[in-house]
Amino acid sequence: MGSGLALEGCSIFIDYLFRGFALRRVFAEVPHYSFVQMSSLTRFFVEEGLLRKHSFYAGQYWDLHILALDRERWEGEFAGRVRGLLNR
């Protein structure tokens, strides 16, 4: 089981993006061969699309998952916890 450092780093980066830029949404594109390893992203992001057989890697075609996170959801559900981490 992981230590949660990747998730913590990801959340700090997402907070930086929303605080530093006038972004309404942040997107992540995850190839299917990495989707299980990146499943912690689904804590923040919602899957909005799937591009079937989009990428060719290791001798086969793979689906590409399109994930999105809205600023409103970030501010309402996650930002306070992340900013608490930064103020320790």
C-alpha atoms as a PDB file:
ATOM      1  CA  MET A   1       0.000   0.000   0.000  1.00  0.00           C
ATOM      2  CA  GLY A   2       1.290   3.472  -0.836  1.00  0.00           C
ATOM      3  CA  SER A   3       2.141   6.241   1.574  1.00  0.00           C
ATOM      4  CA  GLY A   4      -0.215   8.787   0.019  1.00  0.00           C
ATOM      5  CA  LEU A   5       2.612  11.093  -1.034  1.00  0.00           C
ATOM      6  CA  ALA A   6       1.632  10.994  -4.710  1.00  0.00           C
ATOM      7  CA  LEU A   7      -1.954  11.926  -3.854  1.00  0.00           C
ATOM      8  CA  GLU A   8      -0.766  14.709  -1.549  1.00  0.00           C
ATOM      9  CA  GLY A   9       1.585  16.051  -4.229  1.00  0.00           C
ATOM     10  CA  CYS A  10      -1.157  15.880  -6.854  1.00  0.00           C
ATOM     11  CA  SER A  11      -3.573  17.786  -4.637  1.00  0.00           C
ATOM     12  CA  ILE A  12      -1.008  20.509  -3.902  1.00  0.00           C
ATOM     13  CA  PHE A  13      -0.364  20.871  -7.635  1.00  0.00           C
ATOM     14  CA  ILE A  14      -4.097  21.073  -8.425  1.00  0.00           C
ATOM     15  CA  ASP A  15      -4.504  23.747  -5.742  1.00  0.00           C
ATOM     16  CA  TYR A  16      -1.597  25.673  -7.283  1.00  0.00           C
ATOM     17  CA  LEU A  17      -3.276  25.527 -10.701  1.00  0.00           C
ATOM     18  CA  PHE A  18      -6.617  26.834  -9.429  1.00  0.00           C
ATOM     19  CA  ARG A  19      -5.064  29.523  -7.204  1.00  0.00           C
ATOM     20  CA  GLY A  20      -2.448  30.672  -9.687  1.00  0.00           C
ATOM     21  CA  PHE A  21      -4.458  30.704 -12.912  1.00  0.00           C
ATOM     22  CA  ALA A  22      -7.992  31.659 -13.897  1.00  0.00           C
ATOM     23  CA  LEU A  23      -8.862  28.063 -14.750  1.00  0.00           C
ATOM     24  CA  ARG A  24     -12.433  26.844 -14.665  1.00  0.00           C
ATOM     25  CA  ARG A  25     -11.529  23.175 -15.084  1.00  0.00           C
ATOM     26  CA  VAL A  26      -8.486  20.918 -14.966  1.00  0.00           C
ATOM     27  CA  PHE A  27      -8.272  17.827 -17.160  1.00  0.00           C
ATOM     28  CA  ALA A  28      -6.234  14.646 -16.924  1.00  0.00           C
ATOM     29  CA  GLU A  29      -5.702  12.148 -19.729  1.00  0.00           C
ATOM     30  CA  VAL A  30      -4.828   8.668 -18.471  1.00  0.00           C
ATOM     31  CA  PRO A  31      -4.075   5.729 -20.775  1.00  0.00           C
ATOM     32  CA  HIS A  32      -5.845   2.534 -19.782  1.00  0.00           C
ATOM     33  CA  TYR A  33      -2.594   0.684 -19.080  1.00  0.00           C
ATOM     34  CA  SER A  34      -1.936   3.215 -16.270  1.00  0.00           C
ATOM     35  CA  PHE A  35      -5.510   3.687 -15.093  1.00  0.00           C
ATOM     36  CA  VAL A  36      -5.299   1.302 -12.120  1.00  0.00           C
ATOM     37  CA  GLN A  37      -2.102   2.962 -10.853  1.00  0.00           C
ATOM     38  CA  MET A  38      -3.683   6.398 -11.300  1.00  0.00           C
ATOM     39  CA  SER A  39      -7.013   5.444  -9.725  1.00  0.00           C
ATOM     40  CA  SER A  40      -6.370   7.825  -6.815  1.00  0.00           C
ATOM     41  CA  LEU A  41      -7.121  10.634  -9.282  1.00  0.00           C
ATOM     42  CA  THR A  42     -10.750   9.536  -9.301  1.00  0.00           C
ATOM     43  CA  ARG A  43     -10.984  10.860  -5.756  1.00  0.00           C
ATOM     44  CA  PHE A  44     -10.859  14.354  -7.299  1.00  0.00           C
ATOM     45  CA  PHE A  45     -11.637  13.905 -10.965  1.00  0.00           C
ATOM     46  CA  VAL A  46     -14.749  12.605 -12.710  1.00  0.00           C
ATOM     47  CA  GLU A  47     -14.404  10.523 -15.864  1.00  0.00           C
ATOM     48  CA  GLU A  48     -16.000  12.478 -18.688  1.00  0.00           C
ATOM     49  CA  GLY A  49     -14.932  10.518 -21.699  1.00  0.00           C
ATOM     50  CA  LEU A  50     -13.203   7.514 -23.136  1.00  0.00           C
ATOM     51  CA  LEU A  51     -11.355   7.504 -26.432  1.00  0.00           C
ATOM     52  CA  ARG A  52     -11.346   3.895 -27.528  1.00  0.00           C
ATOM     53  CA  LYS A  53      -8.129   2.460 -28.977  1.00  0.00           C
ATOM     54  CA  HIS A  54      -6.599   5.927 -29.004  1.00  0.00           C
ATOM     55  CA  SER A  55      -2.925   5.250 -28.254  1.00  0.00           C
ATOM     56  CA  PHE A  56      -0.519   2.632 -29.542  1.00  0.00           C
ATOM     57  CA  TYR A  57       1.915   1.365 -26.915  1.00  0.00           C
ATOM     58  CA  ALA A  58       3.749  -1.927 -26.325  1.00  0.00           C
ATOM     59  CA  GLY A  59       2.356  -3.509 -29.475  1.00  0.00           C
ATOM     60  CA  GLN A  60      -1.327  -2.765 -28.956  1.00  0.00           C
ATOM     61  CA  TYR A  61      -3.915   0.013 -28.983  1.00  0.00           C
ATOM     62  CA  TRP A  62      -5.125   1.375 -25.638  1.00  0.00           C
ATOM     63  CA  ASP A  63      -8.127   3.403 -24.539  1.00  0.00           C
ATOM     64  CA  LEU A  64      -7.564   6.909 -23.179  1.00  0.00           C
ATOM     65  CA  HIS A  65      -9.614   8.047 -20.165  1.00  0.00           C
ATOM     66  CA  ILE A  66     -10.487  11.760 -20.026  1.00  0.00           C
ATOM     67  CA  LEU A  67     -10.971  13.033 -16.462  1.00  0.00           C
ATOM     68  CA  ALA A  68     -12.090  16.510 -15.361  1.00  0.00           C
ATOM     69  CA  LEU A  69     -12.246  18.538 -12.155  1.00  0.00           C
ATOM     70  CA  ASP A  70     -14.278  21.758 -11.863  1.00  0.00           C
ATOM     71  CA  ARG A  71     -13.076  24.688  -9.770  1.00  0.00           C
ATOM     72  CA  GLU A  72     -16.402  24.729  -7.883  1.00  0.00           C
ATOM     73  CA  ARG A  73     -16.028  21.103  -6.823  1.00  0.00           C
ATOM     74  CA  TRP A  74     -12.403  21.671  -5.845  1.00  0.00           C
ATOM     75  CA  GLU A  75     -13.211  24.721  -3.737  1.00  0.00           C
ATOM     76  CA  GLY A  76     -16.249  23.064  -2.164  1.00  0.00           C
ATOM     77  CA  GLU A  77     -14.812  19.651  -1.315  1.00  0.00           C
ATOM     78  CA  PHE A  78     -11.013  19.629  -1.323  1.00  0.00           C
ATOM     79  CA  ALA A  79      -9.271  23.012  -1.208  1.00  0.00           C
ATOM     80  CA  GLY A  80      -9.662  23.562   2.538  1.00  0.00           C
ATOM     81  CA  ARG A  81      -8.052  20.227   3.397  1.00  0.00           C
ATOM     82  CA  VAL A  82      -5.141  20.804   1.010  1.00  0.00           C
ATOM     83  CA  ARG A  83      -4.495  24.314   2.319  1.00  0.00           C
ATOM     84  CA  GLY A  84      -4.495  22.836   5.808  1.00  0.00           C
ATOM     85  CA  LEU A  85      -1.663  20.529   4.718  1.00  0.00           C
ATOM     86  CA  LEU A  86       0.306  23.507   3.481  1.00  0.00           C
ATOM     87  CA  ASN A  87      -0.093  25.399   6.752  1.00  0.00           C
ATOM     88  CA  ARG A  88       1.321  22.639   8.994  1.00  0.00           C
END
